[in-house]
């Protein structure tokens, strides 16, 4: 199983980025997906979650209204559209997968089975 996250970069405050996470080696539609982030010196933080079908999404309060998660099961890819970026959003962003039917605390990183390698997002003020 491989999750490959990409699309990070350097952007000014107020700007936008779109992250992608391409999955291989698994039946993508059998997995819920999440995005987490980790800033230097801080713990890994939940950002957002999407159910296997895309019907259910959850966002951390800190990104609600600015970030949007989506998925394309035909392309085995989950996306994170990030708008109105703030310097506080600077972190390494990770995608994660959890197989359906096994229970999930979507905001707990320990619930997820597989992780991508992370992509750096830096927001300058």
PDB file of N, CA and C in Angstrom:
ATOM      1  N   UNK A   1       0.849  -1.186   0.000  1.00  0.00           N
ATOM      2  CA  UNK A   1       0.000   0.000   0.000  1.00  0.00           C
ATOM      3  C   UNK A   1       0.887   1.238   0.000  1.00  0.00           C
ATOM      4  N   UNK A   2       0.510   2.187  -0.824  1.00  0.00           N
ATOM      5  CA  UNK A   2       1.275   3.436  -0.890  1.00  0.00           C
ATOM      6  C   UNK A   2       0.321   4.606  -1.009  1.00  0.00           C
ATOM      7  N   UNK A   3       0.554   5.603  -0.186  1.00  0.00           N
ATOM      8  CA  UNK A   3      -0.154   6.873  -0.280  1.00  0.00           C
ATOM      9  C   UNK A   3       0.886   7.943  -0.587  1.00  0.00           C
ATOM     10  N   UNK A   4       0.675   8.650  -1.670  1.00  0.00           N
ATOM     11  CA  UNK A   4       1.644   9.656  -2.079  1.00  0.00           C
ATOM     12  C   UNK A   4       0.970  11.018  -2.098  1.00  0.00           C
ATOM     13  N   UNK A   5       1.404  11.867  -1.178  1.00  0.00           N
ATOM     14  CA  UNK A   5       0.849  13.210  -1.080  1.00  0.00           C
ATOM     15  C   UNK A   5       1.743  14.187  -1.826  1.00  0.00           C
ATOM     16  N   UNK A   6       1.123  15.110  -2.529  1.00  0.00           N
ATOM     17  CA  UNK A   6       1.885  16.130  -3.229  1.00  0.00           C
ATOM     18  C   UNK A   6       1.026  17.375  -3.401  1.00  0.00           C
ATOM     19  N   UNK A   7       1.671  18.445  -3.840  1.00  0.00           N
ATOM     20  CA  UNK A   7       0.969  19.699  -4.060  1.00  0.00           C
ATOM     21  C   UNK A   7       1.319  20.793  -3.072  1.00  0.00           C
ATOM     22  N   UNK A   8       2.149  20.487  -2.091  1.00  0.00           N
ATOM     23  CA  UNK A   8       2.552  21.506  -1.139  1.00  0.00           C
ATOM     24  C   UNK A   8       3.470  22.533  -1.768  1.00  0.00           C
ATOM     25  N   UNK A   9       3.773  23.551  -0.995  1.00  0.00           N
ATOM     26  CA  UNK A   9       4.661  24.584  -1.501  1.00  0.00           C
ATOM     27  C   UNK A   9       4.641  25.797  -0.609  1.00  0.00           C
ATOM     28  N   UNK A  10       5.213  26.870  -1.138  1.00  0.00           N
ATOM     29  CA  UNK A  10       5.276  28.146  -0.426  1.00  0.00           C
ATOM     30  C   UNK A  10       4.227  29.079  -1.018  1.00  0.00           C
ATOM     31  N   UNK A  11       3.428  29.676  -0.146  1.00  0.00           N
ATOM     32  CA  UNK A  11       2.373  30.566  -0.606  1.00  0.00           C
ATOM     33  C   UNK A  11       2.242  31.718   0.384  1.00  0.00           C
ATOM     34  N   UNK A  12       1.811  32.857  -0.101  1.00  0.00           N
ATOM     35  CA  UNK A  12       1.594  33.996   0.792  1.00  0.00           C
ATOM     36  C   UNK A  12       0.274  33.850   1.531  1.00  0.00           C
ATOM     37  N   UNK A  13       0.203  34.479   2.673  1.00  0.00           N
ATOM     38  CA  UNK A  13      -1.042  34.476   3.434  1.00  0.00           C
ATOM     39  C   UNK A  13      -2.183  34.978   2.556  1.00  0.00           C
ATOM     40  N   UNK A  14      -3.315  34.297   2.665  1.00  0.00           N
ATOM     41  CA  UNK A  14      -4.462  34.617   1.837  1.00  0.00           C
ATOM     42  C   UNK A  14      -4.531  33.826   0.551  1.00  0.00           C
ATOM     43  N   UNK A  15      -3.467  33.128   0.238  1.00  0.00           N
ATOM     44  CA  UNK A  15      -3.402  32.345  -0.982  1.00  0.00           C
ATOM     45  C   UNK A  15      -4.040  30.966  -0.838  1.00  0.00           C
ATOM     46  N   UNK A  16      -3.905  30.182  -1.906  1.00  0.00           N
ATOM     47  CA  UNK A  16      -4.534  28.861  -1.956  1.00  0.00           C
ATOM     48  C   UNK A  16      -3.541  27.811  -2.437  1.00  0.00           C
ATOM     49  N   UNK A  17      -3.790  26.599  -2.011  1.00  0.00           N
ATOM     50  CA  UNK A  17      -3.066  25.432  -2.491  1.00  0.00           C
ATOM     51  C   UNK A  17      -4.037  24.270  -2.567  1.00  0.00           C
ATOM     52  N   UNK A  18      -3.754  23.350  -3.447  1.00  0.00           N
ATOM     53  CA  UNK A  18      -4.537  22.126  -3.523  1.00  0.00           C
ATOM     54  C   UNK A  18      -3.599  20.941  -3.361  1.00  0.00           C
ATOM     55  N   UNK A  19      -3.815  20.187  -2.313  1.00  0.00           N
ATOM     56  CA  UNK A  19      -3.044  18.978  -2.092  1.00  0.00           C
ATOM     57  C   UNK A  19      -3.779  17.788  -2.692  1.00  0.00           C
ATOM     58  N   UNK A  20      -2.992  16.823  -3.138  1.00  0.00           N
ATOM     59  CA  UNK A  20      -3.545  15.569  -3.637  1.00  0.00           C
ATOM     60  C   UNK A  20      -2.856  14.420  -2.920  1.00  0.00           C
ATOM     61  N   UNK A  21      -3.565  13.336  -2.817  1.00  0.00           N
ATOM     62  CA  UNK A  21      -3.000  12.119  -2.225  1.00  0.00           C
ATOM     63  C   UNK A  21      -3.460  10.950  -3.088  1.00  0.00           C
ATOM     64  N   UNK A  22      -2.511  10.347  -3.770  1.00  0.00           N
ATOM     65  CA  UNK A  22      -2.813   9.232  -4.662  1.00  0.00           C
ATOM     66  C   UNK A  22      -2.523   7.914  -3.947  1.00  0.00           C
ATOM     67  N   UNK A  23      -3.497   7.031  -3.981  1.00  0.00           N
ATOM     68  CA  UNK A  23      -3.384   5.745  -3.288  1.00  0.00           C
ATOM     69  C   UNK A  23      -3.179   4.619  -4.282  1.00  0.00           C
ATOM     70  N   UNK A  24      -2.378   3.648  -3.887  1.00  0.00           N
ATOM     71  CA  UNK A  24      -2.183   2.461  -4.695  1.00  0.00           C
ATOM     72  C   UNK A  24      -1.996   1.262  -3.770  1.00  0.00           C
ATOM     73  N   UNK A  25      -2.295   0.086  -4.315  1.00  0.00           N
ATOM     74  CA  UNK A  25      -2.124  -1.127  -3.519  1.00  0.00           C
ATOM     75  C   UNK A  25      -3.274  -1.451  -2.605  1.00  0.00           C
ATOM     76  N   UNK A  26      -4.361  -0.730  -2.733  1.00  0.00           N
ATOM     77  CA  UNK A  26      -5.550  -0.991  -1.938  1.00  0.00           C
ATOM     78  C   UNK A  26      -6.792  -0.673  -2.771  1.00  0.00           C
ATOM     79  N   UNK A  27      -7.917  -1.158  -2.301  1.00  0.00           N
ATOM     80  CA  UNK A  27      -9.193  -0.817  -2.936  1.00  0.00           C
ATOM     81  C   UNK A  27      -9.660   0.481  -2.310  1.00  0.00           C
ATOM     82  N   UNK A  28      -9.403   1.561  -3.006  1.00  0.00           N
ATOM     83  CA  UNK A  28      -9.544   2.895  -2.440  1.00  0.00           C
ATOM     84  C   UNK A  28     -10.942   3.145  -1.879  1.00  0.00           C
ATOM     85  N   UNK A  29     -11.947   2.664  -2.562  1.00  0.00           N
ATOM     86  CA  UNK A  29     -13.327   2.917  -2.121  1.00  0.00           C
ATOM     87  C   UNK A  29     -13.691   2.153  -0.857  1.00  0.00           C
ATOM     88  N   UNK A  30     -12.798   1.315  -0.380  1.00  0.00           N
ATOM     89  CA  UNK A  30     -13.009   0.617   0.891  1.00  0.00           C
ATOM     90  C   UNK A  30     -12.374   1.335   2.071  1.00  0.00           C
ATOM     91  N   UNK A  31     -11.897   2.542   1.819  1.00  0.00           N
ATOM     92  CA  UNK A  31     -11.175   3.265   2.861  1.00  0.00           C
ATOM     93  C   UNK A  31     -11.728   4.660   3.075  1.00  0.00           C
ATOM     94  N   UNK A  32     -11.898   4.991   4.351  1.00  0.00           N
ATOM     95  CA  UNK A  32     -12.089   6.383   4.730  1.00  0.00           C
ATOM     96  C   UNK A  32     -10.721   7.064   4.654  1.00  0.00           C
ATOM     97  N   UNK A  33     -10.727   8.366   4.435  1.00  0.00           N
ATOM     98  CA  UNK A  33      -9.473   9.094   4.293  1.00  0.00           C
ATOM     99  C   UNK A  33      -9.450  10.308   5.215  1.00  0.00           C
ATOM    100  N   UNK A  34      -8.264  10.628   5.661  1.00  0.00           N
ATOM    101  CA  UNK A  34      -8.101  11.809   6.503  1.00  0.00           C
ATOM    102  C   UNK A  34      -6.864  12.586   6.105  1.00  0.00           C
ATOM    103  N   UNK A  35      -6.847  13.854   6.489  1.00  0.00           N
ATOM    104  CA  UNK A  35      -5.652  14.691   6.369  1.00  0.00           C
ATOM    105  C   UNK A  35      -5.284  15.158   7.782  1.00  0.00           C
ATOM    106  N   UNK A  36      -4.016  15.060   8.073  1.00  0.00           N
ATOM    107  CA  UNK A  36      -3.461  15.568   9.316  1.00  0.00           C
ATOM    108  C   UNK A  36      -2.303  16.498   8.978  1.00  0.00           C
ATOM    109  N   UNK A  37      -1.867  17.254   9.959  1.00  0.00           N
ATOM    110  CA  UNK A  37      -0.709  18.110   9.750  1.00  0.00           C
ATOM    111  C   UNK A  37       0.120  18.150  11.020  1.00  0.00           C
ATOM    112  N   UNK A  38       1.388  18.446  10.813  1.00  0.00           N
ATOM    113  CA  UNK A  38       2.302  18.531  11.951  1.00  0.00           C
ATOM    114  C   UNK A  38       3.268  19.675  11.724  1.00  0.00           C
ATOM    115  N   UNK A  39       3.223  20.622  12.636  1.00  0.00           N
ATOM    116  CA  UNK A  39       4.147  21.747  12.601  1.00  0.00           C
ATOM    117  C   UNK A  39       5.351  21.417  13.480  1.00  0.00           C
ATOM    118  N   UNK A  40       6.467  22.080  13.236  1.00  0.00           N
ATOM    119  CA  UNK A  40       7.676  21.810  14.035  1.00  0.00           C
ATOM    120  C   UNK A  40       7.409  21.987  15.526  1.00  0.00           C
ATOM    121  N   UNK A  41       7.796  20.985  16.303  1.00  0.00           N
ATOM    122  CA  UNK A  41       7.641  21.064  17.741  1.00  0.00           C
ATOM    123  C   UNK A  41       6.244  20.814  18.252  1.00  0.00           C
ATOM    124  N   UNK A  42       5.336  20.463  17.341  1.00  0.00           N
ATOM    125  CA  UNK A  42       3.946  20.233  17.760  1.00  0.00           C
ATOM    126  C   UNK A  42       3.516  18.812  17.417  1.00  0.00           C
ATOM    127  N   UNK A  43       2.442  18.379  18.046  1.00  0.00           N
ATOM    128  CA  UNK A  43       1.925  17.048  17.766  1.00  0.00           C
ATOM    129  C   UNK A  43       1.140  17.044  16.449  1.00  0.00           C
ATOM    130  N   UNK A  44       0.986  15.850  15.921  1.00  0.00           N
ATOM    131  CA  UNK A  44       0.190  15.709  14.701  1.00  0.00           C
ATOM    132  C   UNK A  44      -1.252  16.107  15.002  1.00  0.00           C
ATOM    133  N   UNK A  45      -1.822  16.889  14.110  1.00  0.00           N
ATOM    134  CA  UNK A  45      -3.121  17.507  14.332  1.00  0.00           C
ATOM    135  C   UNK A  45      -4.100  17.103  13.242  1.00  0.00           C
ATOM    136  N   UNK A  46      -5.308  16.742  13.656  1.00  0.00           N
ATOM    137  CA  UNK A  46      -6.361  16.417  12.701  1.00  0.00           C
ATOM    138  C   UNK A  46      -6.761  17.656  11.913  1.00  0.00           C
ATOM    139  N   UNK A  47      -6.949  17.474  10.615  1.00  0.00           N
ATOM    140  CA  UNK A  47      -7.392  18.568   9.750  1.00  0.00           C
ATOM    141  C   UNK A  47      -8.798  18.288   9.226  1.00  0.00           C
ATOM    142  N   UNK A  48      -8.953  17.127   8.564  1.00  0.00           N
ATOM    143  CA  UNK A  48     -10.248  16.828   7.970  1.00  0.00           C
ATOM    144  C   UNK A  48     -10.352  15.348   7.647  1.00  0.00           C
ATOM    145  N   UNK A  49     -11.569  14.904   7.447  1.00  0.00           N
ATOM    146  CA  UNK A  49     -11.895  13.496   7.173  1.00  0.00           C
ATOM    147  C   UNK A  49     -12.984  13.439   6.111  1.00  0.00           C
ATOM    148  N   UNK A  50     -12.907  12.348   5.310  1.00  0.00           N
ATOM    149  CA  UNK A  50     -13.970  12.085   4.349  1.00  0.00           C
ATOM    150  C   UNK A  50     -14.266  10.597   4.355  1.00  0.00           C
ATOM    151  N   UNK A  51     -15.528  10.250   4.334  1.00  0.00           N
ATOM    152  CA  UNK A  51     -15.915   8.849   4.348  1.00  0.00           C
ATOM    153  C   UNK A  51     -15.623   8.195   3.002  1.00  0.00           C
ATOM    154  N   UNK A  52     -15.737   6.904   2.940  1.00  0.00           N
ATOM    155  CA  UNK A  52     -15.364   6.150   1.744  1.00  0.00           C
ATOM    156  C   UNK A  52     -16.129   6.607   0.502  1.00  0.00           C
ATOM    157  N   UNK A  53     -17.383   7.009   0.701  1.00  0.00           N
ATOM    158  CA  UNK A  53     -18.211   7.408  -0.432  1.00  0.00           C
ATOM    159  C   UNK A  53     -18.125   8.906  -0.710  1.00  0.00           C
ATOM    160  N   UNK A  54     -17.569   9.636   0.220  1.00  0.00           N
ATOM    161  CA  UNK A  54     -17.560  11.086   0.094  1.00  0.00           C
ATOM    162  C   UNK A  54     -18.790  11.756   0.665  1.00  0.00           C
ATOM    163  N   UNK A  55     -19.702  10.963   1.182  1.00  0.00           N
ATOM    164  CA  UNK A  55     -20.956  11.515   1.673  1.00  0.00           C
ATOM    165  C   UNK A  55     -20.808  12.251   2.998  1.00  0.00           C
ATOM    166  N   UNK A  56     -19.788  11.902   3.749  1.00  0.00           N
ATOM    167  CA  UNK A  56     -19.595  12.506   5.068  1.00  0.00           C
ATOM    168  C   UNK A  56     -18.224  13.138   5.163  1.00  0.00           C
ATOM    169  N   UNK A  57     -18.179  14.359   5.655  1.00  0.00           N
ATOM    170  CA  UNK A  57     -16.914  15.054   5.881  1.00  0.00           C
ATOM    171  C   UNK A  57     -16.941  15.721   7.254  1.00  0.00           C
ATOM    172  N   UNK A  58     -15.752  15.868   7.815  1.00  0.00           N
ATOM    173  CA  UNK A  58     -15.601  16.537   9.104  1.00  0.00           C
ATOM    174  C   UNK A  58     -14.361  17.418   9.017  1.00  0.00           C
ATOM    175  N   UNK A  59     -14.438  18.587   9.638  1.00  0.00           N
ATOM    176  CA  UNK A  59     -13.312  19.518   9.606  1.00  0.00           C
ATOM    177  C   UNK A  59     -12.951  19.962  11.021  1.00  0.00           C
ATOM    178  N   UNK A  60     -11.681  20.177  11.233  1.00  0.00           N
ATOM    179  CA  UNK A  60     -11.248  20.831  12.459  1.00  0.00           C
ATOM    180  C   UNK A  60     -11.762  22.262  12.453  1.00  0.00           C
ATOM    181  N   UNK A  61     -12.041  22.778  13.614  1.00  0.00           N
ATOM    182  CA  UNK A  61     -12.572  24.141  13.702  1.00  0.00           C
ATOM    183  C   UNK A  61     -11.620  25.156  13.075  1.00  0.00           C
ATOM    184  N   UNK A  62     -10.339  24.890  13.184  1.00  0.00           N
ATOM    185  CA  UNK A  62      -9.344  25.847  12.700  1.00  0.00           C
ATOM    186  C   UNK A  62      -9.335  25.991  11.184  1.00  0.00           C
ATOM    187  N   UNK A  63      -9.909  25.042  10.462  1.00  0.00           N
ATOM    188  CA  UNK A  63      -9.887  25.114   8.996  1.00  0.00           C
ATOM    189  C   UNK A  63     -11.282  25.177   8.392  1.00  0.00           C
ATOM    190  N   UNK A  64     -12.290  25.066   9.228  1.00  0.00           N
ATOM    191  CA  UNK A  64     -13.667  25.051   8.733  1.00  0.00           C
ATOM    192  C   UNK A  64     -13.958  26.332   7.966  1.00  0.00           C
ATOM    193  N   UNK A  65     -14.554  26.165   6.796  1.00  0.00           N
ATOM    194  CA  UNK A  65     -14.876  27.304   5.954  1.00  0.00           C
ATOM    195  C   UNK A  65     -13.757  27.739   5.033  1.00  0.00           C
ATOM    196  N   UNK A  66     -12.548  27.220   5.246  1.00  0.00           N
ATOM    197  CA  UNK A  66     -11.402  27.569   4.404  1.00  0.00           C
ATOM    198  C   UNK A  66     -10.905  26.372   3.606  1.00  0.00           C
ATOM    199  N   UNK A  67     -10.971  25.201   4.191  1.00  0.00           N
ATOM    200  CA  UNK A  67     -10.474  23.989   3.536  1.00  0.00           C
ATOM    201  C   UNK A  67     -11.656  23.127   3.083  1.00  0.00           C
ATOM    202  N   UNK A  68     -11.429  22.395   1.996  1.00  0.00           N
ATOM    203  CA  UNK A  68     -12.439  21.463   1.496  1.00  0.00           C
ATOM    204  C   UNK A  68     -11.776  20.154   1.108  1.00  0.00           C
ATOM    205  N   UNK A  69     -12.276  19.068   1.643  1.00  0.00           N
ATOM    206  CA  UNK A  69     -11.785  17.744   1.274  1.00  0.00           C
ATOM    207  C   UNK A  69     -12.733  17.132   0.263  1.00  0.00           C
ATOM    208  N   UNK A  70     -12.173  16.401  -0.683  1.00  0.00           N
ATOM    209  CA  UNK A  70     -12.979  15.688  -1.664  1.00  0.00           C
ATOM    210  C   UNK A  70     -12.205  14.462  -2.109  1.00  0.00           C
ATOM    211  N   UNK A  71     -12.872  13.586  -2.826  1.00  0.00           N
ATOM    212  CA  UNK A  71     -12.205  12.382  -3.308  1.00  0.00           C
ATOM    213  C   UNK A  71     -12.794  11.976  -4.646  1.00  0.00           C
ATOM    214  N   UNK A  72     -11.961  11.268  -5.402  1.00  0.00           N
ATOM    215  CA  UNK A  72     -12.378  10.695  -6.668  1.00  0.00           C
ATOM    216  C   UNK A  72     -12.000   9.226  -6.626  1.00  0.00           C
ATOM    217  N   UNK A  73     -12.968   8.378  -6.352  1.00  0.00           N
ATOM    218  CA  UNK A  73     -12.665   6.958  -6.194  1.00  0.00           C
ATOM    219  C   UNK A  73     -12.222   6.316  -7.510  1.00  0.00           C
ATOM    220  N   UNK A  74     -12.633   6.883  -8.608  1.00  0.00           N
ATOM    221  CA  UNK A  74     -12.203   6.347  -9.903  1.00  0.00           C
ATOM    222  C   UNK A  74     -10.714   6.618 -10.139  1.00  0.00           C
ATOM    223  N   UNK A  75     -10.194   7.657  -9.500  1.00  0.00           N
ATOM    224  CA  UNK A  75      -8.778   8.018  -9.653  1.00  0.00           C
ATOM    225  C   UNK A  75      -7.944   7.651  -8.434  1.00  0.00           C
ATOM    226  N   UNK A  76      -8.586   7.014  -7.440  1.00  0.00           N
ATOM    227  CA  UNK A  76      -7.869   6.620  -6.218  1.00  0.00           C
ATOM    228  C   UNK A  76      -7.159   7.801  -5.567  1.00  0.00           C
ATOM    229  N   UNK A  77      -7.826   8.923  -5.532  1.00  0.00           N
ATOM    230  CA  UNK A  77      -7.186  10.152  -5.071  1.00  0.00           C
ATOM    231  C   UNK A  77      -8.122  10.928  -4.149  1.00  0.00           C
ATOM    232  N   UNK A  78      -7.525  11.474  -3.088  1.00  0.00           N
ATOM    233  CA  UNK A  78      -8.229  12.394  -2.208  1.00  0.00           C
ATOM    234  C   UNK A  78      -7.544  13.749  -2.320  1.00  0.00           C
ATOM    235  N   UNK A  79      -8.340  14.810  -2.216  1.00  0.00           N
ATOM    236  CA  UNK A  79      -7.840  16.168  -2.403  1.00  0.00           C
ATOM    237  C   UNK A  79      -8.107  17.011  -1.155  1.00  0.00           C
ATOM    238  N   UNK A  80      -7.278  18.023  -1.004  1.00  0.00           N
ATOM    239  CA  UNK A  80      -7.503  19.014   0.034  1.00  0.00           C
ATOM    240  C   UNK A  80      -7.305  20.391  -0.584  1.00  0.00           C
ATOM    241  N   UNK A  81      -8.401  21.078  -0.791  1.00  0.00           N
ATOM    242  CA  UNK A  81      -8.347  22.444  -1.301  1.00  0.00           C
ATOM    243  C   UNK A  81      -8.244  23.382  -0.111  1.00  0.00           C
ATOM    244  N   UNK A  82      -7.189  24.169  -0.088  1.00  0.00           N
ATOM    245  CA  UNK A  82      -6.925  25.067   1.032  1.00  0.00           C
ATOM    246  C   UNK A  82      -6.958  26.505   0.537  1.00  0.00           C
ATOM    247  N   UNK A  83      -7.901  27.255   1.029  1.00  0.00           N
ATOM    248  CA  UNK A  83      -8.054  28.670   0.673  1.00  0.00           C
ATOM    249  C   UNK A  83      -7.808  29.554   1.891  1.00  0.00           C
ATOM    250  N   UNK A  84      -7.602  30.811   1.637  1.00  0.00           N
ATOM    251  CA  UNK A  84      -7.389  31.784   2.716  1.00  0.00           C
ATOM    252  C   UNK A  84      -6.344  31.293   3.711  1.00  0.00           C
ATOM    253  N   UNK A  85      -5.246  30.840   3.178  1.00  0.00           N
ATOM    254  CA  UNK A  85      -4.217  30.250   4.031  1.00  0.00           C
ATOM    255  C   UNK A  85      -3.627  31.288   4.977  1.00  0.00           C
ATOM    256  N   UNK A  86      -3.274  30.807   6.152  1.00  0.00           N
ATOM    257  CA  UNK A  86      -2.709  31.643   7.210  1.00  0.00           C
ATOM    258  C   UNK A  86      -1.347  31.081   7.603  1.00  0.00           C
ATOM    259  N   UNK A  87      -0.476  31.925   8.144  1.00  0.00           N
ATOM    260  CA  UNK A  87       0.835  31.407   8.588  1.00  0.00           C
ATOM    261  C   UNK A  87       0.696  30.232   9.563  1.00  0.00           C
ATOM    262  N   UNK A  88      -0.383  30.208  10.339  1.00  0.00           N
ATOM    263  CA  UNK A  88      -0.603  29.117  11.289  1.00  0.00           C
ATOM    264  C   UNK A  88      -0.888  27.781  10.597  1.00  0.00           C
ATOM    265  N   UNK A  89      -1.147  27.813   9.307  1.00  0.00           N
ATOM    266  CA  UNK A  89      -1.374  26.577   8.556  1.00  0.00           C
ATOM    267  C   UNK A  89      -0.064  25.915   8.119  1.00  0.00           C
ATOM    268  N   UNK A  90       1.038  26.570   8.353  1.00  0.00           N
ATOM    269  CA  UNK A  90       2.343  26.026   7.974  1.00  0.00           C
ATOM    270  C   UNK A  90       2.604  24.724   8.717  1.00  0.00           C
ATOM    271  N   UNK A  91       2.869  23.662   7.960  1.00  0.00           N
ATOM    272  CA  UNK A  91       3.064  22.340   8.546  1.00  0.00           C
ATOM    273  C   UNK A  91       3.374  21.357   7.427  1.00  0.00           C
ATOM    274  N   UNK A  92       3.758  20.162   7.827  1.00  0.00           N
ATOM    275  CA  UNK A  92       3.784  19.045   6.892  1.00  0.00           C
ATOM    276  C   UNK A  92       2.403  18.404   6.932  1.00  0.00           C
ATOM    277  N   UNK A  93       1.822  18.225   5.772  1.00  0.00           N
ATOM    278  CA  UNK A  93       0.481  17.660   5.664  1.00  0.00           C
ATOM    279  C   UNK A  93       0.567  16.201   5.234  1.00  0.00           C
ATOM    280  N   UNK A  94      -0.171  15.355   5.960  1.00  0.00           N
ATOM    281  CA  UNK A  94      -0.170  13.923   5.709  1.00  0.00           C
ATOM    282  C   UNK A  94      -1.582  13.445   5.378  1.00  0.00           C
ATOM    283  N   UNK A  95      -1.675  12.551   4.409  1.00  0.00           N
ATOM    284  CA  UNK A  95      -2.939  11.869   4.183  1.00  0.00           C
ATOM    285  C   UNK A  95      -2.866  10.493   4.850  1.00  0.00           C
ATOM    286  N   UNK A  96      -4.029   9.969   5.215  1.00  0.00           N
ATOM    287  CA  UNK A  96      -4.086   8.703   5.916  1.00  0.00           C
ATOM    288  C   UNK A  96      -5.338   7.945   5.506  1.00  0.00           C
ATOM    289  N   UNK A  97      -5.277   6.620   5.608  1.00  0.00           N
ATOM    290  CA  UNK A  97      -6.380   5.762   5.188  1.00  0.00           C
ATOM    291  C   UNK A  97      -6.774   4.802   6.305  1.00  0.00           C
ATOM    292  N   UNK A  98      -8.090   4.597   6.423  1.00  0.00           N
ATOM    293  CA  UNK A  98      -8.624   3.649   7.399  1.00  0.00           C
ATOM    294  C   UNK A  98      -9.670   2.796   6.719  1.00  0.00           C
ATOM    295  N   UNK A  99      -9.497   1.481   6.810  1.00  0.00           N
ATOM    296  CA  UNK A  99     -10.430   0.580   6.151  1.00  0.00           C
ATOM    297  C   UNK A  99     -11.814   0.664   6.789  1.00  0.00           C
ATOM    298  N   UNK A 100     -12.833   0.642   5.971  1.00  0.00           N
ATOM    299  CA  UNK A 100     -14.192   0.726   6.481  1.00  0.00           C
ATOM    300  C   UNK A 100     -14.534  -0.538   7.256  1.00  0.00           C
ATOM    301  N   UNK A 101     -15.456  -0.392   8.175  1.00  0.00           N
ATOM    302  CA  UNK A 101     -15.944  -1.539   8.931  1.00  0.00           C
ATOM    303  C   UNK A 101     -15.122  -1.892  10.147  1.00  0.00           C
ATOM    304  N   UNK A 102     -14.042  -1.164  10.383  1.00  0.00           N
ATOM    305  CA  UNK A 102     -13.167  -1.494  11.514  1.00  0.00           C
ATOM    306  C   UNK A 102     -13.285  -0.487  12.640  1.00  0.00           C
ATOM    307  N   UNK A 103     -14.200   0.463  12.483  1.00  0.00           N
ATOM    308  CA  UNK A 103     -14.330   1.493  13.500  1.00  0.00           C
ATOM    309  C   UNK A 103     -13.307   2.582  13.285  1.00  0.00           C
ATOM    310  N   UNK A 104     -13.667   3.788  13.634  1.00  0.00           N
ATOM    311  CA  UNK A 104     -12.756   4.909  13.395  1.00  0.00           C
ATOM    312  C   UNK A 104     -13.094   6.070  14.300  1.00  0.00           C
ATOM    313  N   UNK A 105     -12.078   6.588  14.951  1.00  0.00           N
ATOM    314  CA  UNK A 105     -12.180   7.899  15.581  1.00  0.00           C
ATOM    315  C   UNK A 105     -11.462   8.830  14.621  1.00  0.00           C
ATOM    316  N   UNK A 106     -12.216   9.510  13.783  1.00  0.00           N
ATOM    317  CA  UNK A 106     -11.631  10.183  12.619  1.00  0.00           C
ATOM    318  C   UNK A 106     -10.573  11.200  12.993  1.00  0.00           C
ATOM    319  N   UNK A 107     -10.640  11.759  14.189  1.00  0.00           N
ATOM    320  CA  UNK A 107      -9.692  12.788  14.589  1.00  0.00           C
ATOM    321  C   UNK A 107      -8.460  12.233  15.295  1.00  0.00           C
ATOM    322  N   UNK A 108      -8.416  10.933  15.500  1.00  0.00           N
ATOM    323  CA  UNK A 108      -7.306  10.296  16.213  1.00  0.00           C
ATOM    324  C   UNK A 108      -6.371   9.649  15.202  1.00  0.00           C
ATOM    325  N   UNK A 109      -5.158  10.141  15.118  1.00  0.00           N
ATOM    326  CA  UNK A 109      -4.249   9.631  14.100  1.00  0.00           C
ATOM    327  C   UNK A 109      -3.950   8.140  14.317  1.00  0.00           C
ATOM    328  N   UNK A 110      -4.122   7.654  15.527  1.00  0.00           N
ATOM    329  CA  UNK A 110      -3.839   6.242  15.800  1.00  0.00           C
ATOM    330  C   UNK A 110      -4.886   5.322  15.181  1.00  0.00           C
ATOM    331  N   UNK A 111      -5.998   5.891  14.724  1.00  0.00           N
ATOM    332  CA  UNK A 111      -7.043   5.079  14.112  1.00  0.00           C
ATOM    333  C   UNK A 111      -6.728   4.671  12.689  1.00  0.00           C
ATOM    334  N   UNK A 112      -5.780   5.316  12.066  1.00  0.00           N
ATOM    335  CA  UNK A 112      -5.545   5.118  10.636  1.00  0.00           C
ATOM    336  C   UNK A 112      -4.515   4.035  10.385  1.00  0.00           C
ATOM    337  N   UNK A 113      -4.707   3.332   9.281  1.00  0.00           N
ATOM    338  CA  UNK A 113      -3.858   2.187   8.958  1.00  0.00           C
ATOM    339  C   UNK A 113      -2.637   2.550   8.132  1.00  0.00           C
ATOM    340  N   UNK A 114      -2.821   3.455   7.194  1.00  0.00           N
ATOM    341  CA  UNK A 114      -1.744   3.778   6.260  1.00  0.00           C
ATOM    342  C   UNK A 114      -1.561   5.291   6.178  1.00  0.00           C
ATOM    343  N   UNK A 115      -0.305   5.680   5.932  1.00  0.00           N
ATOM    344  CA  UNK A 115       0.055   7.096   5.886  1.00  0.00           C
ATOM    345  C   UNK A 115       0.879   7.409   4.664  1.00  0.00           C
ATOM    346  N   UNK A 116       0.654   8.607   4.141  1.00  0.00           N
ATOM    347  CA  UNK A 116       1.530   9.117   3.102  1.00  0.00           C
ATOM    348  C   UNK A 116       2.788   9.701   3.716  1.00  0.00           C
ATOM    349  N   UNK A 117       3.690  10.142   2.848  1.00  0.00           N
ATOM    350  CA  UNK A 117       4.997  10.610   3.298  1.00  0.00           C
ATOM    351  C   UNK A 117       4.980  12.061   3.729  1.00  0.00           C
ATOM    352  N   UNK A 118       3.901  12.766   3.442  1.00  0.00           N
ATOM    353  CA  UNK A 118       3.810  14.165   3.845  1.00  0.00           C
ATOM    354  C   UNK A 118       4.268  15.114   2.763  1.00  0.00           C
ATOM    355  N   UNK A 119       3.656  16.279   2.751  1.00  0.00           N
ATOM    356  CA  UNK A 119       4.045  17.335   1.833  1.00  0.00           C
ATOM    357  C   UNK A 119       4.057  18.651   2.607  1.00  0.00           C
ATOM    358  N   UNK A 120       5.116  19.431   2.407  1.00  0.00           N
ATOM    359  CA  UNK A 120       5.315  20.646   3.184  1.00  0.00           C
ATOM    360  C   UNK A 120       4.467  21.792   2.633  1.00  0.00           C
ATOM    361  N   UNK A 121       3.755  22.449   3.526  1.00  0.00           N
ATOM    362  CA  UNK A 121       3.021  23.668   3.193  1.00  0.00           C
ATOM    363  C   UNK A 121       3.586  24.791   4.054  1.00  0.00           C
ATOM    364  N   UNK A 122       4.043  25.835   3.417  1.00  0.00           N
ATOM    365  CA  UNK A 122       4.593  26.984   4.121  1.00  0.00           C
ATOM    366  C   UNK A 122       3.835  28.233   3.689  1.00  0.00           C
ATOM    367  N   UNK A 123       3.285  28.927   4.668  1.00  0.00           N
ATOM    368  CA  UNK A 123       2.511  30.133   4.398  1.00  0.00           C
ATOM    369  C   UNK A 123       3.264  31.319   4.994  1.00  0.00           C
ATOM    370  N   UNK A 124       3.648  32.232   4.149  1.00  0.00           N
ATOM    371  CA  UNK A 124       4.398  33.410   4.609  1.00  0.00           C
ATOM    372  C   UNK A 124       3.442  34.565   4.901  1.00  0.00           C
ATOM    373  N   UNK A 125       3.821  35.367   5.873  1.00  0.00           N
ATOM    374  CA  UNK A 125       2.961  36.500   6.265  1.00  0.00           C
ATOM    375  C   UNK A 125       3.289  37.758   5.484  1.00  0.00           C
TER     376      UNK A 125
END
